[in-house]
Amino acid sequence: MVALNGLGYALIDWRKPSLVQVVEISFLIFLGYVVLWFYWRGRNWARVLVFLTSILCFFNLWSLLKGRVVVNFAGKLMIYGEAALATFLVV
């Protein structure tokens, strides 16, 4: 989960990055690490958030497979990896 969370930077178009976009992605990645820390510590609210984001990963995969999302190779790797991890966590 930690490695896939860091791949969020792959979603930024580095040819013309926007400061707002970099700050937003950085904040979401930091927030993800905070949730993962509390998940590791056994907090129930963090487990619920991880479960809900696992469900959202399936929608990301569905959007990618339908061609509604255009991302680079690292972004595709992140979406496929998150979907595989989400399958494990949900089951």
PDB file of N, CA and C in Angstrom:
ATOM      1  N   MET A   1       0.819  -1.196   0.000  1.00  0.00           N
ATOM      2  CA  MET A   1       0.000   0.000   0.000  1.00  0.00           C
ATOM      3  C   MET A   1       0.859   1.255   0.000  1.00  0.00           C
ATOM      4  N   VAL A   2       1.955   1.194   0.723  1.00  0.00           N
ATOM      5  CA  VAL A   2       2.839   2.363   0.807  1.00  0.00           C
ATOM      6  C   VAL A   2       3.443   2.692  -0.555  1.00  0.00           C
ATOM      7  N   ALA A   3       3.895   1.678  -1.274  1.00  0.00           N
ATOM      8  CA  ALA A   3       4.510   1.914  -2.586  1.00  0.00           C
ATOM      9  C   ALA A   3       3.481   2.433  -3.582  1.00  0.00           C
ATOM     10  N   LEU A   4       2.281   1.874  -3.564  1.00  0.00           N
ATOM     11  CA  LEU A   4       1.253   2.320  -4.504  1.00  0.00           C
ATOM     12  C   LEU A   4       0.788   3.732  -4.177  1.00  0.00           C
ATOM     13  N   ASN A   5       0.788   4.091  -2.907  1.00  0.00           N
ATOM     14  CA  ASN A   5       0.399   5.440  -2.518  1.00  0.00           C
ATOM     15  C   ASN A   5       1.386   6.464  -3.086  1.00  0.00           C
ATOM     16  N   GLY A   6       2.660   6.138  -3.066  1.00  0.00           N
ATOM     17  CA  GLY A   6       3.672   7.038  -3.603  1.00  0.00           C
ATOM     18  C   GLY A   6       3.617   7.197  -5.110  1.00  0.00           C
ATOM     19  N   LEU A   7       3.012   6.229  -5.791  1.00  0.00           N
ATOM     20  CA  LEU A   7       2.877   6.337  -7.238  1.00  0.00           C
ATOM     21  C   LEU A   7       1.838   7.377  -7.666  1.00  0.00           C
ATOM     22  N   GLY A   8       1.201   8.012  -6.715  1.00  0.00           N
ATOM     23  CA  GLY A   8       0.243   9.061  -7.043  1.00  0.00           C
ATOM     24  C   GLY A   8       0.865  10.198  -7.828  1.00  0.00           C
ATOM     25  N   TYR A   9       2.173  10.385  -7.655  1.00  0.00           N
ATOM     26  CA  TYR A   9       2.868  11.427  -8.420  1.00  0.00           C
ATOM     27  C   TYR A   9       2.917  11.100  -9.911  1.00  0.00           C
ATOM     28  N   ALA A  10       2.669   9.856 -10.268  1.00  0.00           N
ATOM     29  CA  ALA A  10       2.650   9.474 -11.680  1.00  0.00           C
ATOM     30  C   ALA A  10       1.447  10.061 -12.403  1.00  0.00           C
ATOM     31  N   LEU A  11       0.454  10.519 -11.656  1.00  0.00           N
ATOM     32  CA  LEU A  11      -0.737  11.091 -12.277  1.00  0.00           C
ATOM     33  C   LEU A  11      -0.538  12.534 -12.729  1.00  0.00           C
ATOM     34  N   ILE A  12       0.555  13.146 -12.319  1.00  0.00           N
ATOM     35  CA  ILE A  12       0.834  14.534 -12.689  1.00  0.00           C
ATOM     36  C   ILE A  12       1.487  14.564 -14.070  1.00  0.00           C
ATOM     37  N   ASP A  13       1.023  15.458 -14.907  1.00  0.00           N
ATOM     38  CA  ASP A  13       1.643  15.664 -16.216  1.00  0.00           C
ATOM     39  C   ASP A  13       2.851  16.568 -16.005  1.00  0.00           C
ATOM     40  N   TRP A  14       4.038  15.973 -15.951  1.00  0.00           N
ATOM     41  CA  TRP A  14       5.247  16.713 -15.611  1.00  0.00           C
ATOM     42  C   TRP A  14       5.757  17.582 -16.756  1.00  0.00           C
ATOM     43  N   ARG A  15       5.154  17.509 -17.931  1.00  0.00           N
ATOM     44  CA  ARG A  15       5.551  18.405 -19.008  1.00  0.00           C
ATOM     45  C   ARG A  15       5.077  19.822 -18.738  1.00  0.00           C
ATOM     46  N   LYS A  16       3.937  19.944 -18.081  1.00  0.00           N
ATOM     47  CA  LYS A  16       3.393  21.257 -17.700  1.00  0.00           C
ATOM     48  C   LYS A  16       2.709  21.151 -16.341  1.00  0.00           C
ATOM     49  N   PRO A  17       3.510  20.939 -15.273  1.00  0.00           N
ATOM     50  CA  PRO A  17       2.909  20.757 -13.955  1.00  0.00           C
ATOM     51  C   PRO A  17       2.336  22.056 -13.401  1.00  0.00           C
ATOM     52  N   SER A  18       1.246  21.941 -12.715  1.00  0.00           N
ATOM     53  CA  SER A  18       0.624  23.063 -12.039  1.00  0.00           C
ATOM     54  C   SER A  18       0.961  22.963 -10.555  1.00  0.00           C
ATOM     55  N   LEU A  19       1.308  24.078  -9.951  1.00  0.00           N
ATOM     56  CA  LEU A  19       1.644  24.076  -8.527  1.00  0.00           C
ATOM     57  C   LEU A  19       0.470  23.596  -7.694  1.00  0.00           C
ATOM     58  N   VAL A  20      -0.729  24.007  -8.073  1.00  0.00           N
ATOM     59  CA  VAL A  20      -1.922  23.588  -7.340  1.00  0.00           C
ATOM     60  C   VAL A  20      -2.090  22.071  -7.424  1.00  0.00           C
ATOM     61  N   GLN A  21      -1.874  21.515  -8.601  1.00  0.00           N
ATOM     62  CA  GLN A  21      -2.015  20.072  -8.781  1.00  0.00           C
ATOM     63  C   GLN A  21      -0.963  19.314  -7.971  1.00  0.00           C
ATOM     64  N   VAL A  22       0.268  19.788  -7.957  1.00  0.00           N
ATOM     65  CA  VAL A  22       1.325  19.130  -7.189  1.00  0.00           C
ATOM     66  C   VAL A  22       1.014  19.195  -5.693  1.00  0.00           C
ATOM     67  N   VAL A  23       0.523  20.329  -5.223  1.00  0.00           N
ATOM     68  CA  VAL A  23       0.177  20.464  -3.799  1.00  0.00           C
ATOM     69  C   VAL A  23      -1.001  19.561  -3.448  1.00  0.00           C
ATOM     70  N   GLU A  24      -2.014  19.503  -4.313  1.00  0.00           N
ATOM     71  CA  GLU A  24      -3.168  18.638  -4.046  1.00  0.00           C
ATOM     72  C   GLU A  24      -2.768  17.169  -3.985  1.00  0.00           C
ATOM     73  N   ILE A  25      -1.986  16.714  -4.953  1.00  0.00           N
ATOM     74  CA  ILE A  25      -1.545  15.319  -4.973  1.00  0.00           C
ATOM     75  C   ILE A  25      -0.674  15.033  -3.746  1.00  0.00           C
ATOM     76  N   SER A  26       0.220  15.956  -3.401  1.00  0.00           N
ATOM     77  CA  SER A  26       1.081  15.762  -2.233  1.00  0.00           C
ATOM     78  C   SER A  26       0.253  15.663  -0.959  1.00  0.00           C
ATOM     79  N   PHE A  27      -0.769  16.505  -0.829  1.00  0.00           N
ATOM     80  CA  PHE A  27      -1.626  16.456   0.352  1.00  0.00           C
ATOM     81  C   PHE A  27      -2.382  15.132   0.429  1.00  0.00           C
ATOM     82  N   LEU A  28      -2.910  14.676  -0.699  1.00  0.00           N
ATOM     83  CA  LEU A  28      -3.641  13.408  -0.696  1.00  0.00           C
ATOM     84  C   LEU A  28      -2.724  12.230  -0.391  1.00  0.00           C
ATOM     85  N   ILE A  29      -1.500  12.266  -0.899  1.00  0.00           N
ATOM     86  CA  ILE A  29      -0.545  11.198  -0.599  1.00  0.00           C
ATOM     87  C   ILE A  29      -0.190  11.223   0.887  1.00  0.00           C
ATOM     88  N   PHE A  30       0.051  12.409   1.438  1.00  0.00           N
ATOM     89  CA  PHE A  30       0.341  12.520   2.867  1.00  0.00           C
ATOM     90  C   PHE A  30      -0.838  12.012   3.698  1.00  0.00           C
ATOM     91  N   LEU A  31      -2.048  12.393   3.321  1.00  0.00           N
ATOM     92  CA  LEU A  31      -3.237  11.923   4.018  1.00  0.00           C
ATOM     93  C   LEU A  31      -3.355  10.402   3.931  1.00  0.00           C
ATOM     94  N   GLY A  32      -3.010   9.846   2.782  1.00  0.00           N
ATOM     95  CA  GLY A  32      -3.019   8.394   2.620  1.00  0.00           C
ATOM     96  C   GLY A  32      -2.033   7.714   3.549  1.00  0.00           C
ATOM     97  N   TYR A  33      -0.851   8.317   3.712  1.00  0.00           N
ATOM     98  CA  TYR A  33       0.133   7.739   4.630  1.00  0.00           C
ATOM     99  C   TYR A  33      -0.335   7.815   6.082  1.00  0.00           C
ATOM    100  N   VAL A  34      -1.032   8.865   6.445  1.00  0.00           N
ATOM    101  CA  VAL A  34      -1.579   8.969   7.804  1.00  0.00           C
ATOM    102  C   VAL A  34      -2.608   7.865   8.036  1.00  0.00           C
ATOM    103  N   VAL A  35      -3.487   7.662   7.072  1.00  0.00           N
ATOM    104  CA  VAL A  35      -4.494   6.601   7.201  1.00  0.00           C
ATOM    105  C   VAL A  35      -3.818   5.233   7.274  1.00  0.00           C
ATOM    106  N   LEU A  36      -2.797   5.014   6.454  1.00  0.00           N
ATOM    107  CA  LEU A  36      -2.085   3.735   6.489  1.00  0.00           C
ATOM    108  C   LEU A  36      -1.393   3.507   7.823  1.00  0.00           C
ATOM    109  N   TRP A  37      -0.871   4.572   8.419  1.00  0.00           N
ATOM    110  CA  TRP A  37      -0.249   4.438   9.734  1.00  0.00           C
ATOM    111  C   TRP A  37      -1.277   3.965  10.755  1.00  0.00           C
ATOM    112  N   PHE A  38      -2.434   4.584  10.778  1.00  0.00           N
ATOM    113  CA  PHE A  38      -3.459   4.184  11.742  1.00  0.00           C
ATOM    114  C   PHE A  38      -4.063   2.824  11.397  1.00  0.00           C
ATOM    115  N   TYR A  39      -4.081   2.473  10.117  1.00  0.00           N
ATOM    116  CA  TYR A  39      -4.511   1.131   9.710  1.00  0.00           C
ATOM    117  C   TYR A  39      -3.554   0.085  10.278  1.00  0.00           C
ATOM    118  N   TRP A  40      -2.276   0.349  10.173  1.00  0.00           N
ATOM    119  CA  TRP A  40      -1.262  -0.554  10.697  1.00  0.00           C
ATOM    120  C   TRP A  40      -1.353  -0.662  12.210  1.00  0.00           C
ATOM    121  N   ARG A  41      -1.750   0.441  12.865  1.00  0.00           N
ATOM    122  CA  ARG A  41      -1.888   0.458  14.318  1.00  0.00           C
ATOM    123  C   ARG A  41      -3.197  -0.177  14.785  1.00  0.00           C
ATOM    124  N   GLY A  42      -4.075  -0.556  13.826  1.00  0.00           N
ATOM    125  CA  GLY A  42      -5.285  -1.298  14.172  1.00  0.00           C
ATOM    126  C   GLY A  42      -6.515  -0.457  14.464  1.00  0.00           C
ATOM    127  N   ARG A  43      -6.532   0.770  14.025  1.00  0.00           N
ATOM    128  CA  ARG A  43      -7.708   1.615  14.264  1.00  0.00           C
ATOM    129  C   ARG A  43      -8.838   1.198  13.334  1.00  0.00           C
ATOM    130  N   ASN A  44     -10.037   1.106  13.883  1.00  0.00           N
ATOM    131  CA  ASN A  44     -11.179   0.628  13.104  1.00  0.00           C
ATOM    132  C   ASN A  44     -11.584   1.627  12.020  1.00  0.00           C
ATOM    133  N   TRP A  45     -11.545   2.925  12.313  1.00  0.00           N
ATOM    134  CA  TRP A  45     -11.941   3.913  11.312  1.00  0.00           C
ATOM    135  C   TRP A  45     -11.006   3.869  10.108  1.00  0.00           C
ATOM    136  N   ALA A  46      -9.731   3.572  10.355  1.00  0.00           N
ATOM    137  CA  ALA A  46      -8.785   3.470   9.243  1.00  0.00           C
ATOM    138  C   ALA A  46      -9.071   2.220   8.420  1.00  0.00           C
ATOM    139  N   ARG A  47      -9.469   1.139   9.067  1.00  0.00           N
ATOM    140  CA  ARG A  47      -9.829  -0.073   8.327  1.00  0.00           C
ATOM    141  C   ARG A  47     -11.023   0.183   7.435  1.00  0.00           C
ATOM    142  N   VAL A  48     -11.995   0.938   7.937  1.00  0.00           N
ATOM    143  CA  VAL A  48     -13.176   1.268   7.141  1.00  0.00           C
ATOM    144  C   VAL A  48     -12.776   2.129   5.941  1.00  0.00           C
ATOM    145  N   LEU A  49     -11.904   3.114   6.150  1.00  0.00           N
ATOM    146  CA  LEU A  49     -11.453   3.956   5.042  1.00  0.00           C
ATOM    147  C   LEU A  49     -10.676   3.152   4.001  1.00  0.00           C
ATOM    148  N   VAL A  50      -9.829   2.230   4.443  1.00  0.00           N
ATOM    149  CA  VAL A  50      -9.091   1.388   3.505  1.00  0.00           C
ATOM    150  C   VAL A  50     -10.058   0.511   2.721  1.00  0.00           C
ATOM    151  N   PHE A  51     -11.083  -0.005   3.378  1.00  0.00           N
ATOM    152  CA  PHE A  51     -12.085  -0.818   2.683  1.00  0.00           C
ATOM    153  C   PHE A  51     -12.832   0.009   1.643  1.00  0.00           C
ATOM    154  N   LEU A  52     -13.240   1.216   2.016  1.00  0.00           N
ATOM    155  CA  LEU A  52     -13.973   2.071   1.074  1.00  0.00           C
ATOM    156  C   LEU A  52     -13.102   2.493  -0.114  1.00  0.00           C
ATOM    157  N   THR A  53     -11.841   2.793   0.133  1.00  0.00           N
ATOM    158  CA  THR A  53     -10.971   3.146  -0.983  1.00  0.00           C
ATOM    159  C   THR A  53     -10.656   1.921  -1.844  1.00  0.00           C
ATOM    160  N   SER A  54     -10.706   0.735  -1.243  1.00  0.00           N
ATOM    161  CA  SER A  54     -10.542  -0.479  -2.039  1.00  0.00           C
ATOM    162  C   SER A  54     -11.694  -0.632  -3.021  1.00  0.00           C
ATOM    163  N   ILE A  55     -12.886  -0.307  -2.571  1.00  0.00           N
ATOM    164  CA  ILE A  55     -14.050  -0.346  -3.465  1.00  0.00           C
ATOM    165  C   ILE A  55     -13.875   0.685  -4.587  1.00  0.00           C
ATOM    166  N   LEU A  56     -13.376   1.874  -4.256  1.00  0.00           N
ATOM    167  CA  LEU A  56     -13.156   2.909  -5.271  1.00  0.00           C
ATOM    168  C   LEU A  56     -12.099   2.499  -6.296  1.00  0.00           C
ATOM    169  N   CYS A  57     -11.159   1.659  -5.892  1.00  0.00           N
ATOM    170  CA  CYS A  57     -10.124   1.190  -6.826  1.00  0.00           C
ATOM    171  C   CYS A  57     -10.732   0.404  -7.982  1.00  0.00           C
ATOM    172  N   PHE A  58     -11.824  -0.313  -7.704  1.00  0.00           N
ATOM    173  CA  PHE A  58     -12.490  -1.054  -8.777  1.00  0.00           C
ATOM    174  C   PHE A  58     -13.110  -0.105  -9.789  1.00  0.00           C
ATOM    175  N   PHE A  59     -13.615   1.047  -9.339  1.00  0.00           N
ATOM    176  CA  PHE A  59     -14.150   2.043 -10.268  1.00  0.00           C
ATOM    177  C   PHE A  59     -13.032   2.661 -11.104  1.00  0.00           C
ATOM    178  N   ASN A  60     -11.853   2.878 -10.496  1.00  0.00           N
ATOM    179  CA  ASN A  60     -10.699   3.373 -11.260  1.00  0.00           C
ATOM    180  C   ASN A  60     -10.310   2.380 -12.343  1.00  0.00           C
ATOM    181  N   LEU A  61     -10.278   1.108 -11.998  1.00  0.00           N
ATOM    182  CA  LEU A  61      -9.931   0.079 -12.975  1.00  0.00           C
ATOM    183  C   LEU A  61     -10.971   0.021 -14.086  1.00  0.00           C
ATOM    184  N   TRP A  62     -12.227   0.110 -13.733  1.00  0.00           N
ATOM    185  CA  TRP A  62     -13.305   0.074 -14.720  1.00  0.00           C
ATOM    186  C   TRP A  62     -13.182   1.270 -15.672  1.00  0.00           C
ATOM    187  N   SER A  63     -12.897   2.450 -15.124  1.00  0.00           N
ATOM    188  CA  SER A  63     -12.736   3.643 -15.963  1.00  0.00           C
ATOM    189  C   SER A  63     -11.535   3.518 -16.882  1.00  0.00           C
ATOM    190  N   LEU A  64     -10.452   2.922 -16.390  1.00  0.00           N
ATOM    191  CA  LEU A  64      -9.274   2.726 -17.223  1.00  0.00           C
ATOM    192  C   LEU A  64      -9.560   1.745 -18.351  1.00  0.00           C
ATOM    193  N   LEU A  65     -10.240   0.658 -18.038  1.00  0.00           N
ATOM    194  CA  LEU A  65     -10.524  -0.351 -19.057  1.00  0.00           C
ATOM    195  C   LEU A  65     -11.534   0.144 -20.090  1.00  0.00           C
ATOM    196  N   LYS A  66     -12.426   1.049 -19.709  1.00  0.00           N
ATOM    197  CA  LYS A  66     -13.393   1.624 -20.645  1.00  0.00           C
ATOM    198  C   LYS A  66     -12.801   2.753 -21.479  1.00  0.00           C
ATOM    199  N   GLY A  67     -11.577   3.165 -21.162  1.00  0.00           N
ATOM    200  CA  GLY A  67     -10.931   4.226 -21.924  1.00  0.00           C
ATOM    201  C   GLY A  67     -11.320   5.616 -21.488  1.00  0.00           C
ATOM    202  N   ARG A  68     -11.929   5.746 -20.334  1.00  0.00           N
ATOM    203  CA  ARG A  68     -12.345   7.069 -19.849  1.00  0.00           C
ATOM    204  C   ARG A  68     -11.224   7.813 -19.148  1.00  0.00           C
ATOM    205  N   VAL A  69     -10.151   7.083 -18.806  1.00  0.00           N
ATOM    206  CA  VAL A  69      -9.009   7.684 -18.127  1.00  0.00           C
ATOM    207  C   VAL A  69      -7.775   7.462 -18.992  1.00  0.00           C
ATOM    208  N   VAL A  70      -7.050   8.521 -19.247  1.00  0.00           N
ATOM    209  CA  VAL A  70      -5.823   8.414 -20.028  1.00  0.00           C
ATOM    210  C   VAL A  70      -4.664   8.738 -19.089  1.00  0.00           C
ATOM    211  N   VAL A  71      -3.829   7.731 -18.821  1.00  0.00           N
ATOM    212  CA  VAL A  71      -2.677   7.918 -17.943  1.00  0.00           C
ATOM    213  C   VAL A  71      -1.456   7.277 -18.591  1.00  0.00           C
ATOM    214  N   ASN A  72      -0.293   7.635 -18.061  1.00  0.00           N
ATOM    215  CA  ASN A  72       0.952   7.067 -18.563  1.00  0.00           C
ATOM    216  C   ASN A  72       1.150   5.660 -17.996  1.00  0.00           C
ATOM    217  N   PHE A  73       2.284   5.050 -18.305  1.00  0.00           N
ATOM    218  CA  PHE A  73       2.532   3.670 -17.883  1.00  0.00           C
ATOM    219  C   PHE A  73       2.541   3.540 -16.360  1.00  0.00           C
ATOM    220  N   ALA A  74       3.174   4.485 -15.669  1.00  0.00           N
ATOM    221  CA  ALA A  74       3.235   4.413 -14.205  1.00  0.00           C
ATOM    222  C   ALA A  74       1.841   4.561 -13.595  1.00  0.00           C
ATOM    223  N   GLY A  75       1.006   5.390 -14.200  1.00  0.00           N
ATOM    224  CA  GLY A  75      -0.372   5.531 -13.720  1.00  0.00           C
ATOM    225  C   GLY A  75      -1.167   4.252 -13.912  1.00  0.00           C
ATOM    226  N   LYS A  76      -0.963   3.599 -15.066  1.00  0.00           N
ATOM    227  CA  LYS A  76      -1.639   2.313 -15.301  1.00  0.00           C
ATOM    228  C   LYS A  76      -1.150   1.262 -14.319  1.00  0.00           C
ATOM    229  N   LEU A  77       0.144   1.253 -14.072  1.00  0.00           N
ATOM    230  CA  LEU A  77       0.707   0.316 -13.103  1.00  0.00           C
ATOM    231  C   LEU A  77       0.101   0.542 -11.725  1.00  0.00           C
ATOM    232  N   MET A  78      -0.069   1.801 -11.351  1.00  0.00           N
ATOM    233  CA  MET A  78      -0.667   2.120 -10.062  1.00  0.00           C
ATOM    234  C   MET A  78      -2.108   1.626  -9.998  1.00  0.00           C
ATOM    235  N   ILE A  79      -2.887   1.860 -11.031  1.00  0.00           N
ATOM    236  CA  ILE A  79      -4.295   1.460 -11.023  1.00  0.00           C
ATOM    237  C   ILE A  79      -4.425  -0.058 -11.002  1.00  0.00           C
ATOM    238  N   TYR A  80      -3.624  -0.761 -11.802  1.00  0.00           N
ATOM    239  CA  TYR A  80      -3.672  -2.226 -11.791  1.00  0.00           C
ATOM    240  C   TYR A  80      -3.211  -2.789 -10.444  1.00  0.00           C
ATOM    241  N   GLY A  81      -2.162  -2.216  -9.884  1.00  0.00           N
ATOM    242  CA  GLY A  81      -1.673  -2.666  -8.575  1.00  0.00           C
ATOM    243  C   GLY A  81      -2.675  -2.417  -7.471  1.00  0.00           C
ATOM    244  N   GLU A  82      -3.314  -1.252  -7.496  1.00  0.00           N
ATOM    245  CA  GLU A  82      -4.327  -0.954  -6.484  1.00  0.00           C
ATOM    246  C   GLU A  82      -5.529  -1.886  -6.615  1.00  0.00           C
ATOM    247  N   ALA A  83      -5.906  -2.218  -7.837  1.00  0.00           N
ATOM    248  CA  ALA A  83      -7.028  -3.123  -8.031  1.00  0.00           C
ATOM    249  C   ALA A  83      -6.698  -4.528  -7.520  1.00  0.00           C
ATOM    250  N   ALA A  84      -5.467  -4.979  -7.761  1.00  0.00           N
ATOM    251  CA  ALA A  84      -5.059  -6.293  -7.251  1.00  0.00           C
ATOM    252  C   ALA A  84      -5.025  -6.297  -5.725  1.00  0.00           C
ATOM    253  N   LEU A  85      -4.487  -5.241  -5.139  1.00  0.00           N
ATOM    254  CA  LEU A  85      -4.456  -5.140  -3.678  1.00  0.00           C
ATOM    255  C   LEU A  85      -5.855  -5.007  -3.108  1.00  0.00           C
ATOM    256  N   ALA A  86      -6.713  -4.250  -3.781  1.00  0.00           N
ATOM    257  CA  ALA A  86      -8.090  -4.084  -3.322  1.00  0.00           C
ATOM    258  C   ALA A  86      -8.830  -5.420  -3.352  1.00  0.00           C
ATOM    259  N   THR A  87      -8.583  -6.229  -4.371  1.00  0.00           N
ATOM    260  CA  THR A  87      -9.209  -7.551  -4.433  1.00  0.00           C
ATOM    261  C   THR A  87      -8.798  -8.378  -3.218  1.00  0.00           C
ATOM    262  N   PHE A  88      -7.504  -8.346  -2.890  1.00  0.00           N
ATOM    263  CA  PHE A  88      -7.020  -9.070  -1.719  1.00  0.00           C
ATOM    264  C   PHE A  88      -7.654  -8.550  -0.432  1.00  0.00           C
ATOM    265  N   LEU A  89      -7.723  -7.233  -0.282  1.00  0.00           N
ATOM    266  CA  LEU A  89      -8.250  -6.660   0.959  1.00  0.00           C
ATOM    267  C   LEU A  89      -9.749  -6.867   1.118  1.00  0.00           C
ATOM    268  N   VAL A  90     -10.485  -6.823   0.030  1.00  0.00           N
ATOM    269  CA  VAL A  90     -11.941  -7.000   0.125  1.00  0.00           C
ATOM    270  C   VAL A  90     -12.287  -8.451   0.411  1.00  0.00           C
ATOM    271  N   VAL A  91     -11.561  -9.368  -0.230  1.00  0.00           N
ATOM    272  CA  VAL A  91     -11.833 -10.792  -0.018  1.00  0.00           C
ATOM    273  C   VAL A  91     -11.339 -11.168   1.361  1.00  0.00           C
TER     274      VAL A  91
END
